[in-house]
Amino acid sequence: MLGITPDPRVETHRLRLRPAESLVLYTDGLTEVRDPDGEQFGEERLARALSARHDGQPQRIIDRLVEAVHAFARDTGIDDDQAALVVTATAPGGPERAAAVSGR
């Protein structure tokens, strides 16, 4: 969405994550997915999907999120772009870890 305007206003914020804590960035295509009855996935279901055990592995967070969205939507299909980026902190000197998914 940054490219929607020629000069977006962007503010810098600092966030400190402890080892195994994650930051998840996502597009509204995930929360606005609808089930066969027309109900949206929403932020509450997103939060439940993200609270599943992931052992500090960002790919597991992505996997759980994708599974939850697809199970909710069932056979209705996806009509909006979906993207998520997960950055998980590691102990100093530990391996860097991040995962991303994008799809339609």
C-alpha atoms as a PDB file:
ATOM      1  CA  MET A   1       0.000   0.000   0.000  1.00  0.00           C
ATOM      2  CA  LEU A   2       2.944   2.339   0.282  1.00  0.00           C
ATOM      3  CA  GLY A   3       2.860   2.803  -3.482  1.00  0.00           C
ATOM      4  CA  ILE A   4      -0.731   4.072  -3.523  1.00  0.00           C
ATOM      5  CA  THR A   5       0.393   7.685  -3.124  1.00  0.00           C
ATOM      6  CA  PRO A   6       3.445   9.383  -4.605  1.00  0.00           C
ATOM      7  CA  ASP A   7       4.657  10.668  -1.206  1.00  0.00           C
ATOM      8  CA  PRO A   8       3.399   8.450   1.629  1.00  0.00           C
ATOM      9  CA  ARG A   9       3.708   9.690   5.210  1.00  0.00           C
ATOM     10  CA  VAL A  10       5.730   7.135   7.096  1.00  0.00           C
ATOM     11  CA  GLU A  11       6.588   7.324  10.783  1.00  0.00           C
ATOM     12  CA  THR A  12       9.414   5.428  12.430  1.00  0.00           C
ATOM     13  CA  HIS A  13       8.576   3.299  15.451  1.00  0.00           C
ATOM     14  CA  ARG A  14      10.867   1.075  17.472  1.00  0.00           C
ATOM     15  CA  LEU A  15       9.829  -2.298  18.764  1.00  0.00           C
ATOM     16  CA  ARG A  16      11.918  -4.653  20.848  1.00  0.00           C
ATOM     17  CA  LEU A  17      11.132  -8.333  20.552  1.00  0.00           C
ATOM     18  CA  ARG A  18      12.448 -10.854  23.043  1.00  0.00           C
ATOM     19  CA  PRO A  19      13.742 -14.199  21.736  1.00  0.00           C
ATOM     20  CA  ALA A  20      10.897 -16.259  20.225  1.00  0.00           C
ATOM     21  CA  GLU A  21       8.540 -13.235  20.047  1.00  0.00           C
ATOM     22  CA  SER A  22       7.227 -12.413  16.597  1.00  0.00           C
ATOM     23  CA  LEU A  23       5.984  -9.427  14.666  1.00  0.00           C
ATOM     24  CA  VAL A  24       3.309 -10.277  12.085  1.00  0.00           C
ATOM     25  CA  LEU A  25       2.425  -7.876   9.286  1.00  0.00           C
ATOM     26  CA  TYR A  26      -0.520  -8.794   7.085  1.00  0.00           C
ATOM     27  CA  THR A  27      -2.839  -7.374   4.451  1.00  0.00           C
ATOM     28  CA  ASP A  28      -6.589  -7.017   4.807  1.00  0.00           C
ATOM     29  CA  GLY A  29      -7.013  -9.789   2.239  1.00  0.00           C
ATOM     30  CA  LEU A  30      -6.523 -12.204   5.148  1.00  0.00           C
ATOM     31  CA  THR A  31      -9.026 -10.681   7.556  1.00  0.00           C
ATOM     32  CA  GLU A  32     -11.631  -9.987   4.858  1.00  0.00           C
ATOM     33  CA  VAL A  33     -11.836 -13.557   3.536  1.00  0.00           C
ATOM     34  CA  ARG A  34     -15.460 -14.714   3.653  1.00  0.00           C
ATOM     35  CA  ASP A  35     -16.970 -18.080   4.463  1.00  0.00           C
ATOM     36  CA  PRO A  36     -19.854 -19.561   2.422  1.00  0.00           C
ATOM     37  CA  ASP A  37     -22.347 -17.559   4.574  1.00  0.00           C
ATOM     38  CA  GLY A  38     -20.557 -14.273   3.826  1.00  0.00           C
ATOM     39  CA  GLU A  39     -19.000 -13.819   7.270  1.00  0.00           C
ATOM     40  CA  GLN A  40     -15.492 -12.349   7.345  1.00  0.00           C
ATOM     41  CA  PHE A  41     -12.521 -14.135   8.915  1.00  0.00           C
ATOM     42  CA  GLY A  42     -11.826 -11.014  10.964  1.00  0.00           C
ATOM     43  CA  GLU A  43      -9.192 -10.008  13.464  1.00  0.00           C
ATOM     44  CA  GLU A  44     -10.466 -12.226  16.306  1.00  0.00           C
ATOM     45  CA  ARG A  45      -9.980 -15.408  14.234  1.00  0.00           C
ATOM     46  CA  LEU A  46      -6.644 -14.029  13.048  1.00  0.00           C
ATOM     47  CA  ALA A  47      -5.532 -13.565  16.657  1.00  0.00           C
ATOM     48  CA  ARG A  48      -6.610 -17.116  17.552  1.00  0.00           C
ATOM     49  CA  ALA A  49      -4.709 -18.525  14.564  1.00  0.00           C
ATOM     50  CA  LEU A  50      -1.608 -16.552  15.544  1.00  0.00           C
ATOM     51  CA  SER A  51      -1.770 -17.698  19.165  1.00  0.00           C
ATOM     52  CA  ALA A  52      -1.232 -21.348  18.183  1.00  0.00           C
ATOM     53  CA  ARG A  53       2.058 -22.881  19.334  1.00  0.00           C
ATOM     54  CA  HIS A  54       4.867 -22.134  16.905  1.00  0.00           C
ATOM     55  CA  ASP A  55       8.073 -22.726  18.889  1.00  0.00           C
ATOM     56  CA  GLY A  56       9.619 -19.494  17.633  1.00  0.00           C
ATOM     57  CA  GLN A  57       9.522 -20.648  14.018  1.00  0.00           C
ATOM     58  CA  PRO A  58       8.038 -18.044  11.675  1.00  0.00           C
ATOM     59  CA  GLN A  59       7.181 -20.603   8.995  1.00  0.00           C
ATOM     60  CA  ARG A  60       4.929 -22.408  11.499  1.00  0.00           C
ATOM     61  CA  ILE A  61       3.097 -19.148  12.162  1.00  0.00           C
ATOM     62  CA  ILE A  62       2.522 -18.689   8.425  1.00  0.00           C
ATOM     63  CA  ASP A  63       1.429 -22.305   8.039  1.00  0.00           C
ATOM     64  CA  ARG A  64      -1.107 -22.031  10.885  1.00  0.00           C
ATOM     65  CA  LEU A  65      -2.465 -18.788   9.474  1.00  0.00           C
ATOM     66  CA  VAL A  66      -2.855 -20.171   5.948  1.00  0.00           C
ATOM     67  CA  GLU A  67      -4.529 -23.337   7.294  1.00  0.00           C
ATOM     68  CA  ALA A  68      -6.979 -21.309   9.390  1.00  0.00           C
ATOM     69  CA  VAL A  69      -7.935 -18.986   6.524  1.00  0.00           C
ATOM     70  CA  HIS A  70      -8.444 -21.824   4.046  1.00  0.00           C
ATOM     71  CA  ALA A  71     -10.446 -23.907   6.543  1.00  0.00           C
ATOM     72  CA  PHE A  72     -12.679 -20.895   7.220  1.00  0.00           C
ATOM     73  CA  ALA A  73     -13.229 -20.005   3.544  1.00  0.00           C
ATOM     74  CA  ARG A  74     -13.813 -23.642   2.570  1.00  0.00           C
ATOM     75  CA  ASP A  75     -14.757 -23.719  -1.123  1.00  0.00           C
ATOM     76  CA  THR A  76     -15.632 -20.032  -1.521  1.00  0.00           C
ATOM     77  CA  GLY A  77     -12.267 -19.182  -3.021  1.00  0.00           C
ATOM     78  CA  ILE A  78     -10.078 -16.195  -2.340  1.00  0.00           C
ATOM     79  CA  ASP A  79     -11.015 -12.935  -4.045  1.00  0.00           C
ATOM     80  CA  ASP A  80      -8.350 -10.586  -2.681  1.00  0.00           C
ATOM     81  CA  ASP A  81      -4.570 -10.633  -2.533  1.00  0.00           C
ATOM     82  CA  GLN A  82      -3.206 -12.015   0.709  1.00  0.00           C
ATOM     83  CA  ALA A  83       0.213 -11.396   2.166  1.00  0.00           C
ATOM     84  CA  ALA A  84       1.843 -11.865   5.551  1.00  0.00           C
ATOM     85  CA  LEU A  85       5.346 -11.289   6.849  1.00  0.00           C
ATOM     86  CA  VAL A  86       6.554 -12.801  10.116  1.00  0.00           C
ATOM     87  CA  VAL A  87       9.761 -11.710  11.805  1.00  0.00           C
ATOM     88  CA  THR A  88      10.769 -13.669  14.893  1.00  0.00           C
ATOM     89  CA  ALA A  89      13.476 -12.543  17.296  1.00  0.00           C
ATOM     90  CA  THR A  90      16.271 -14.923  18.162  1.00  0.00           C
ATOM     91  CA  ALA A  91      18.840 -14.910  20.941  1.00  0.00           C
ATOM     92  CA  PRO A  92      21.936 -12.812  20.244  1.00  0.00           C
ATOM     93  CA  GLY A  93      24.152 -14.711  17.839  1.00  0.00           C
ATOM     94  CA  GLY A  94      21.315 -17.062  16.889  1.00  0.00           C
ATOM     95  CA  PRO A  95      20.186 -17.737  13.326  1.00  0.00           C
ATOM     96  CA  GLU A  96      18.071 -15.109  11.586  1.00  0.00           C
ATOM     97  CA  ARG A  97      14.534 -16.264  10.833  1.00  0.00           C
ATOM     98  CA  ALA A  98      11.714 -14.782   8.802  1.00  0.00           C
ATOM     99  CA  ALA A  99       8.918 -16.117   6.656  1.00  0.00           C
ATOM    100  CA  ALA A 100       6.516 -14.610   4.181  1.00  0.00           C
ATOM    101  CA  VAL A 101       3.579 -15.732   2.106  1.00  0.00           C
ATOM    102  CA  SER A 102       1.772 -14.020  -0.690  1.00  0.00           C
ATOM    103  CA  GLY A 103      -1.014 -15.386  -2.793  1.00  0.00           C
ATOM    104  CA  ARG A 104      -4.315 -14.891  -4.385  1.00  0.00           C
END
